[in-house]
N, C-alpha and C. Protein backbone atom coordinates (compact mmCIF):
# COMPACT_ATOMS: atom_id res chain seq x y z
N MET A 1 -105.52 67.64 -34.82
CA MET A 1 -104.66 68.17 -33.77
C MET A 1 -103.49 68.90 -34.44
N SER A 2 -103.18 70.09 -33.97
CA SER A 2 -102.08 70.86 -34.54
C SER A 2 -100.75 70.40 -33.97
N SER A 3 -99.71 70.59 -34.75
CA SER A 3 -98.38 70.21 -34.28
C SER A 3 -97.80 71.38 -33.47
N PRO A 4 -96.76 71.13 -32.65
CA PRO A 4 -96.14 72.21 -31.88
C PRO A 4 -95.65 73.36 -32.76
N LEU A 5 -95.33 73.09 -34.03
CA LEU A 5 -94.86 74.15 -34.92
C LEU A 5 -95.97 75.14 -35.24
N GLU A 6 -97.23 74.73 -35.08
CA GLU A 6 -98.37 75.58 -35.40
C GLU A 6 -98.93 76.28 -34.16
N TRP A 7 -98.37 76.03 -32.96
CA TRP A 7 -98.89 76.62 -31.74
C TRP A 7 -98.56 78.11 -31.69
N SER A 8 -99.38 78.84 -30.96
CA SER A 8 -99.11 80.27 -30.76
C SER A 8 -98.00 80.43 -29.72
N ILE A 9 -97.46 81.62 -29.64
CA ILE A 9 -96.44 81.92 -28.64
C ILE A 9 -96.99 81.66 -27.24
N GLY A 10 -98.23 82.04 -26.99
CA GLY A 10 -98.84 81.81 -25.68
C GLY A 10 -98.91 80.33 -25.33
N GLU A 11 -99.30 79.50 -26.31
CA GLU A 11 -99.37 78.06 -26.07
C GLU A 11 -97.99 77.48 -25.78
N LEU A 12 -96.98 77.94 -26.51
CA LEU A 12 -95.61 77.48 -26.27
C LEU A 12 -95.11 77.91 -24.89
N LEU A 13 -95.44 79.13 -24.48
CA LEU A 13 -95.04 79.60 -23.15
C LEU A 13 -95.71 78.77 -22.05
N ILE A 14 -96.96 78.41 -22.24
CA ILE A 14 -97.64 77.57 -21.24
C ILE A 14 -96.94 76.22 -21.12
N VAL A 15 -96.59 75.62 -22.24
CA VAL A 15 -95.89 74.32 -22.21
C VAL A 15 -94.55 74.48 -21.53
N LEU A 16 -93.79 75.52 -21.85
CA LEU A 16 -92.50 75.77 -21.24
C LEU A 16 -92.63 75.97 -19.73
N LEU A 17 -93.57 76.80 -19.31
CA LEU A 17 -93.78 77.06 -17.90
C LEU A 17 -94.18 75.78 -17.17
N CYS A 18 -95.08 75.02 -17.72
CA CYS A 18 -95.54 73.79 -17.07
C CYS A 18 -94.42 72.77 -16.99
N THR A 19 -93.57 72.70 -18.00
CA THR A 19 -92.43 71.79 -17.98
C THR A 19 -91.47 72.18 -16.86
N CYS A 20 -91.25 73.47 -16.67
CA CYS A 20 -90.33 73.95 -15.63
C CYS A 20 -90.83 73.63 -14.23
N VAL A 21 -92.14 73.60 -14.01
CA VAL A 21 -92.66 73.34 -12.67
C VAL A 21 -93.08 71.88 -12.49
N GLY A 22 -92.69 71.00 -13.42
CA GLY A 22 -92.93 69.58 -13.25
C GLY A 22 -94.27 69.10 -13.78
N LEU A 23 -94.91 69.87 -14.65
CA LEU A 23 -96.15 69.42 -15.27
C LEU A 23 -95.88 69.13 -16.74
N VAL A 24 -96.63 68.21 -17.28
CA VAL A 24 -96.47 67.86 -18.68
C VAL A 24 -97.82 67.96 -19.36
N VAL A 25 -97.82 68.44 -20.58
CA VAL A 25 -99.05 68.48 -21.35
C VAL A 25 -99.29 67.07 -21.85
N THR A 26 -100.45 66.51 -21.54
CA THR A 26 -100.77 65.15 -21.95
C THR A 26 -100.94 65.11 -23.46
N GLY A 27 -99.97 64.52 -24.14
CA GLY A 27 -100.04 64.37 -25.58
C GLY A 27 -100.02 65.69 -26.34
N GLY A 28 -99.74 66.80 -25.68
CA GLY A 28 -99.71 68.08 -26.34
C GLY A 28 -101.08 68.48 -26.88
N VAL A 29 -102.15 68.06 -26.24
CA VAL A 29 -103.49 68.28 -26.76
C VAL A 29 -104.15 69.46 -26.06
N PHE A 30 -104.74 70.30 -26.84
CA PHE A 30 -105.49 71.45 -26.33
C PHE A 30 -106.97 71.07 -26.42
N LEU A 31 -107.62 70.83 -25.28
CA LEU A 31 -109.00 70.34 -25.26
C LEU A 31 -109.95 71.38 -24.70
N ALA A 32 -111.00 71.68 -25.43
CA ALA A 32 -112.08 72.56 -24.97
C ALA A 32 -111.55 73.83 -24.32
N GLY A 33 -110.53 74.42 -24.92
CA GLY A 33 -110.02 75.69 -24.42
C GLY A 33 -109.11 75.56 -23.21
N GLN A 34 -108.76 74.37 -22.80
CA GLN A 34 -107.87 74.19 -21.65
C GLN A 34 -106.85 73.10 -21.96
N TRP A 35 -105.67 73.27 -21.40
CA TRP A 35 -104.66 72.23 -21.53
C TRP A 35 -104.99 71.10 -20.57
N SER A 36 -104.69 69.90 -20.99
CA SER A 36 -104.87 68.73 -20.13
C SER A 36 -103.52 68.42 -19.50
N PHE A 37 -103.42 68.51 -18.17
CA PHE A 37 -102.15 68.33 -17.47
C PHE A 37 -102.14 67.07 -16.63
N ARG A 38 -100.94 66.56 -16.38
CA ARG A 38 -100.75 65.48 -15.40
C ARG A 38 -99.40 65.69 -14.74
N ARG A 39 -99.26 65.27 -13.49
CA ARG A 39 -97.98 65.38 -12.79
C ARG A 39 -97.03 64.34 -13.35
N LEU A 40 -95.76 64.66 -13.38
CA LEU A 40 -94.77 63.65 -13.71
C LEU A 40 -94.79 62.62 -12.59
N ALA A 41 -95.03 61.39 -12.92
CA ALA A 41 -95.21 60.37 -11.90
C ALA A 41 -93.87 59.76 -11.51
N GLU A 42 -93.53 59.91 -10.25
CA GLU A 42 -92.40 59.20 -9.69
C GLU A 42 -92.79 58.83 -8.27
N ARG A 43 -92.58 57.58 -7.92
CA ARG A 43 -93.04 57.10 -6.62
C ARG A 43 -92.20 57.64 -5.48
N ARG A 44 -90.97 57.96 -5.73
CA ARG A 44 -90.09 58.41 -4.63
C ARG A 44 -90.54 59.79 -4.13
N GLY A 45 -90.27 60.04 -2.87
CA GLY A 45 -90.64 61.31 -2.27
C GLY A 45 -89.67 62.43 -2.61
N GLU A 46 -88.44 62.08 -2.93
CA GLU A 46 -87.41 63.07 -3.25
C GLU A 46 -86.91 62.85 -4.67
N PRO A 47 -86.54 63.90 -5.38
CA PRO A 47 -86.04 63.72 -6.74
C PRO A 47 -84.69 62.99 -6.77
N ARG A 48 -84.51 62.19 -7.78
CA ARG A 48 -83.27 61.42 -7.96
C ARG A 48 -82.28 62.29 -8.72
N ARG A 49 -81.00 62.28 -8.28
CA ARG A 49 -79.95 63.03 -8.96
C ARG A 49 -78.94 62.06 -9.56
N TRP A 50 -78.65 62.23 -10.84
CA TRP A 50 -77.63 61.43 -11.51
C TRP A 50 -76.36 62.27 -11.57
N GLY A 51 -75.25 61.61 -11.64
CA GLY A 51 -73.98 62.31 -11.74
C GLY A 51 -72.87 61.30 -11.95
N THR A 52 -71.65 61.76 -11.82
CA THR A 52 -70.51 60.87 -11.94
C THR A 52 -70.60 59.81 -10.85
N PRO A 53 -70.45 58.53 -11.19
CA PRO A 53 -70.48 57.49 -10.15
C PRO A 53 -69.43 57.76 -9.08
N THR A 54 -69.81 57.50 -7.83
CA THR A 54 -68.93 57.72 -6.69
C THR A 54 -68.56 56.37 -6.08
N ASP A 55 -67.25 56.13 -5.94
CA ASP A 55 -66.80 54.87 -5.35
C ASP A 55 -67.16 54.80 -3.88
N VAL A 56 -67.70 53.65 -3.48
CA VAL A 56 -68.09 53.42 -2.09
C VAL A 56 -67.66 52.03 -1.66
N LEU A 57 -67.65 51.82 -0.36
CA LEU A 57 -67.50 50.48 0.19
C LEU A 57 -68.85 50.06 0.74
N VAL A 58 -69.21 48.80 0.51
CA VAL A 58 -70.48 48.27 1.00
C VAL A 58 -70.16 47.12 1.93
N ALA A 59 -70.66 47.21 3.16
CA ALA A 59 -70.47 46.15 4.16
C ALA A 59 -71.82 45.49 4.42
N GLY A 60 -71.78 44.20 4.61
CA GLY A 60 -73.01 43.46 4.88
C GLY A 60 -72.67 42.06 5.35
N PRO A 61 -73.60 41.15 5.20
CA PRO A 61 -73.40 39.79 5.70
C PRO A 61 -72.44 38.96 4.85
N PHE A 62 -71.88 39.53 3.79
CA PHE A 62 -71.00 38.79 2.89
C PHE A 62 -69.53 38.85 3.27
N GLY A 63 -69.20 39.36 4.45
CA GLY A 63 -67.81 39.39 4.90
C GLY A 63 -67.21 40.78 4.80
N ASP A 64 -65.97 40.85 4.30
CA ASP A 64 -65.27 42.13 4.18
C ASP A 64 -66.03 43.09 3.26
N PRO A 65 -65.89 44.41 3.51
CA PRO A 65 -66.53 45.40 2.63
C PRO A 65 -66.07 45.23 1.19
N ILE A 66 -67.00 45.47 0.26
CA ILE A 66 -66.74 45.31 -1.17
C ILE A 66 -66.89 46.67 -1.84
N LYS A 67 -65.97 46.96 -2.78
CA LYS A 67 -66.03 48.23 -3.51
C LYS A 67 -67.19 48.19 -4.49
N ALA A 68 -67.90 49.31 -4.59
CA ALA A 68 -69.05 49.47 -5.48
C ALA A 68 -69.09 50.93 -5.93
N ALA A 69 -70.19 51.33 -6.58
CA ALA A 69 -70.31 52.73 -7.02
C ALA A 69 -71.74 53.20 -6.86
N VAL A 70 -71.91 54.40 -6.30
CA VAL A 70 -73.23 55.04 -6.24
C VAL A 70 -73.45 55.65 -7.62
N VAL A 71 -74.56 55.25 -8.28
CA VAL A 71 -74.84 55.76 -9.63
C VAL A 71 -75.92 56.84 -9.64
N ASN A 72 -76.78 56.86 -8.63
CA ASN A 72 -77.69 57.99 -8.45
C ASN A 72 -78.05 58.09 -6.99
N ARG A 73 -78.54 59.26 -6.62
CA ARG A 73 -78.79 59.51 -5.20
C ARG A 73 -79.96 60.46 -5.05
N SER A 74 -80.59 60.40 -3.86
CA SER A 74 -81.66 61.33 -3.49
C SER A 74 -81.56 61.51 -1.99
N GLN A 75 -82.38 62.38 -1.43
CA GLN A 75 -82.38 62.55 0.03
C GLN A 75 -82.85 61.29 0.72
N GLY A 76 -83.55 60.42 0.01
CA GLY A 76 -84.10 59.21 0.62
C GLY A 76 -83.25 57.97 0.47
N GLY A 77 -82.24 58.00 -0.45
CA GLY A 77 -81.44 56.80 -0.64
C GLY A 77 -80.48 56.92 -1.80
N VAL A 78 -79.87 55.78 -2.14
CA VAL A 78 -78.89 55.72 -3.22
C VAL A 78 -79.12 54.46 -4.05
N ALA A 79 -78.69 54.50 -5.30
CA ALA A 79 -78.63 53.30 -6.13
C ALA A 79 -77.17 52.94 -6.28
N ILE A 80 -76.85 51.68 -6.03
CA ILE A 80 -75.47 51.23 -6.00
C ILE A 80 -75.26 50.18 -7.08
N LEU A 81 -74.22 50.35 -7.90
CA LEU A 81 -73.81 49.34 -8.86
C LEU A 81 -72.85 48.41 -8.13
N PHE A 82 -73.24 47.13 -8.03
CA PHE A 82 -72.58 46.19 -7.11
C PHE A 82 -72.30 44.88 -7.83
N GLU A 83 -71.30 44.14 -7.38
CA GLU A 83 -70.94 42.88 -8.04
C GLU A 83 -71.74 41.68 -7.54
N LYS A 84 -72.52 41.85 -6.49
CA LYS A 84 -73.30 40.75 -5.93
C LYS A 84 -74.78 41.09 -5.91
N THR A 85 -75.61 40.08 -5.93
CA THR A 85 -77.03 40.30 -5.73
C THR A 85 -77.29 40.42 -4.23
N VAL A 86 -78.30 41.17 -3.88
CA VAL A 86 -78.65 41.40 -2.49
C VAL A 86 -80.14 41.14 -2.32
N ALA A 87 -80.52 40.52 -1.24
CA ALA A 87 -81.93 40.24 -0.98
C ALA A 87 -82.66 41.54 -0.62
N VAL A 88 -83.92 41.63 -1.06
CA VAL A 88 -84.75 42.77 -0.67
C VAL A 88 -84.87 42.79 0.84
N ASP A 89 -84.82 43.97 1.43
CA ASP A 89 -84.87 44.23 2.88
C ASP A 89 -83.57 43.91 3.61
N GLU A 90 -82.53 43.53 2.87
CA GLU A 90 -81.21 43.30 3.47
C GLU A 90 -80.67 44.64 3.96
N ILE A 91 -80.06 44.65 5.14
CA ILE A 91 -79.44 45.86 5.70
C ILE A 91 -77.97 45.87 5.33
N LEU A 92 -77.53 47.01 4.78
CA LEU A 92 -76.14 47.20 4.37
C LEU A 92 -75.61 48.49 4.98
N ASP A 93 -74.30 48.59 5.07
CA ASP A 93 -73.65 49.83 5.49
C ASP A 93 -72.80 50.32 4.32
N VAL A 94 -72.89 51.61 4.03
CA VAL A 94 -72.23 52.20 2.86
C VAL A 94 -71.39 53.39 3.32
N ARG A 95 -70.21 53.51 2.69
CA ARG A 95 -69.32 54.63 3.03
C ARG A 95 -68.53 55.01 1.79
N ALA A 96 -68.44 56.30 1.51
CA ALA A 96 -67.68 56.78 0.35
C ALA A 96 -66.19 56.51 0.56
N CYS A 97 -65.54 55.98 -0.47
CA CYS A 97 -64.10 55.67 -0.38
C CYS A 97 -63.26 56.92 -0.13
N GLU A 98 -63.66 58.05 -0.69
CA GLU A 98 -62.91 59.29 -0.56
C GLU A 98 -63.19 60.06 0.73
N ALA A 99 -64.15 59.60 1.51
CA ALA A 99 -64.53 60.33 2.72
C ALA A 99 -63.43 60.23 3.78
N PRO A 100 -63.22 61.31 4.54
CA PRO A 100 -62.23 61.27 5.61
C PRO A 100 -62.68 60.31 6.72
N PRO A 101 -61.76 59.91 7.59
CA PRO A 101 -62.07 58.91 8.63
C PRO A 101 -63.22 59.30 9.56
N ASN A 102 -63.48 60.59 9.75
CA ASN A 102 -64.53 61.01 10.69
C ASN A 102 -65.94 60.90 10.09
N VAL A 103 -66.05 60.61 8.78
CA VAL A 103 -67.37 60.46 8.15
C VAL A 103 -67.86 59.03 8.42
N PRO A 104 -69.04 58.89 9.04
CA PRO A 104 -69.51 57.56 9.43
C PRO A 104 -70.07 56.73 8.27
N TRP A 105 -70.20 55.44 8.50
CA TRP A 105 -70.91 54.55 7.59
C TRP A 105 -72.39 54.92 7.65
N VAL A 106 -73.09 54.71 6.55
CA VAL A 106 -74.52 55.00 6.47
C VAL A 106 -75.27 53.68 6.31
N ARG A 107 -76.27 53.47 7.14
CA ARG A 107 -77.06 52.24 7.06
C ARG A 107 -78.19 52.41 6.05
N VAL A 108 -78.34 51.41 5.16
CA VAL A 108 -79.39 51.43 4.14
C VAL A 108 -80.12 50.08 4.13
N ARG A 109 -81.32 50.11 3.57
CA ARG A 109 -82.11 48.90 3.37
C ARG A 109 -82.27 48.71 1.87
N ALA A 110 -81.96 47.52 1.37
CA ALA A 110 -82.12 47.21 -0.05
C ALA A 110 -83.61 47.13 -0.37
N ARG A 111 -84.08 47.96 -1.28
CA ARG A 111 -85.50 47.99 -1.67
C ARG A 111 -85.76 47.17 -2.93
N HIS A 112 -84.76 47.10 -3.81
CA HIS A 112 -84.87 46.26 -5.01
C HIS A 112 -83.48 45.96 -5.53
N CYS A 113 -83.39 44.96 -6.39
CA CYS A 113 -82.12 44.54 -6.97
C CYS A 113 -82.40 44.06 -8.39
N ARG A 114 -81.66 44.61 -9.37
CA ARG A 114 -81.87 44.19 -10.76
C ARG A 114 -80.52 44.02 -11.45
N ALA A 115 -80.47 43.07 -12.37
CA ALA A 115 -79.24 42.81 -13.12
C ALA A 115 -78.97 43.96 -14.08
N GLU A 116 -77.70 44.32 -14.21
CA GLU A 116 -77.25 45.34 -15.15
C GLU A 116 -75.93 44.84 -15.73
N GLY A 117 -76.02 44.10 -16.84
CA GLY A 117 -74.84 43.46 -17.40
C GLY A 117 -74.37 42.36 -16.46
N LYS A 118 -73.09 42.40 -16.10
CA LYS A 118 -72.54 41.41 -15.17
C LYS A 118 -72.62 41.86 -13.72
N LYS A 119 -73.22 43.03 -13.49
CA LYS A 119 -73.33 43.56 -12.13
C LYS A 119 -74.80 43.70 -11.76
N TRP A 120 -75.03 44.28 -10.59
CA TRP A 120 -76.39 44.46 -10.07
C TRP A 120 -76.58 45.90 -9.62
N VAL A 121 -77.76 46.46 -9.87
CA VAL A 121 -78.10 47.78 -9.35
C VAL A 121 -79.00 47.54 -8.14
N ILE A 122 -78.53 48.00 -7.00
CA ILE A 122 -79.26 47.84 -5.74
C ILE A 122 -79.88 49.19 -5.38
N GLY A 123 -81.18 49.27 -5.35
CA GLY A 123 -81.88 50.48 -4.92
C GLY A 123 -81.99 50.45 -3.41
N CYS A 124 -81.37 51.41 -2.75
CA CYS A 124 -81.30 51.41 -1.28
C CYS A 124 -81.99 52.64 -0.69
N GLN A 125 -82.63 52.43 0.44
CA GLN A 125 -83.28 53.51 1.18
C GLN A 125 -82.53 53.71 2.48
N PHE A 126 -82.26 54.97 2.83
CA PHE A 126 -81.60 55.25 4.10
C PHE A 126 -82.53 54.82 5.24
N THR A 127 -81.97 54.25 6.29
CA THR A 127 -82.79 53.84 7.43
C THR A 127 -83.04 54.98 8.39
N GLU A 128 -82.24 56.04 8.27
CA GLU A 128 -82.46 57.25 9.07
C GLU A 128 -81.99 58.45 8.26
N THR A 129 -82.33 59.62 8.71
CA THR A 129 -81.94 60.84 8.00
C THR A 129 -80.41 60.96 7.99
N VAL A 130 -79.89 61.25 6.80
CA VAL A 130 -78.43 61.38 6.64
C VAL A 130 -78.09 62.87 6.59
N PRO A 131 -77.20 63.33 7.48
CA PRO A 131 -76.83 64.75 7.47
C PRO A 131 -76.12 65.13 6.16
N TRP A 132 -76.25 66.39 5.78
CA TRP A 132 -75.63 66.88 4.55
C TRP A 132 -74.13 66.65 4.55
N SER A 133 -73.48 66.77 5.71
CA SER A 133 -72.03 66.60 5.81
C SER A 133 -71.59 65.17 5.44
N VAL A 134 -72.50 64.22 5.51
CA VAL A 134 -72.22 62.84 5.11
C VAL A 134 -72.72 62.62 3.68
N MET A 135 -73.91 63.12 3.38
CA MET A 135 -74.55 62.92 2.07
C MET A 135 -73.69 63.46 0.93
N VAL A 136 -73.01 64.56 1.18
CA VAL A 136 -72.20 65.20 0.14
C VAL A 136 -71.12 64.25 -0.40
N TRP A 137 -70.68 63.29 0.36
CA TRP A 137 -69.65 62.35 -0.07
C TRP A 137 -70.15 61.31 -1.07
N PHE A 138 -71.47 61.21 -1.23
CA PHE A 138 -72.03 60.28 -2.22
C PHE A 138 -72.16 60.91 -3.60
N GLY A 139 -71.70 62.15 -3.73
CA GLY A 139 -71.70 62.81 -5.03
C GLY A 139 -72.86 63.75 -5.23
């Protein structure tokens, strides 16, 4: 098998083009005159966006709202860095700390919860479509 340094310009362009449209060359192998491709596998329906963590308040069955941070987001939900563990399928309400008073709380369902140091990352799915005017406050 040849290394990428030995590929022709055409082969490199194919890899670049496929990478840009979300395809990956499986092991960089050229088989029987054709590239072997596979889709980048992600179970979520919408791409996840990382960025600067956004401070939010999280309300739920634990009493007063607790400050947390959205660490990534997509059209389908958010991942929240939180100080408490949350049960799967627990319903929470989330609101950006910087949002003006007219921006509503957003209802989410906890899909998973995993330890991250002394905190927890809660993967949340929106229970209904969130308008862009609200979504923008999550970063």
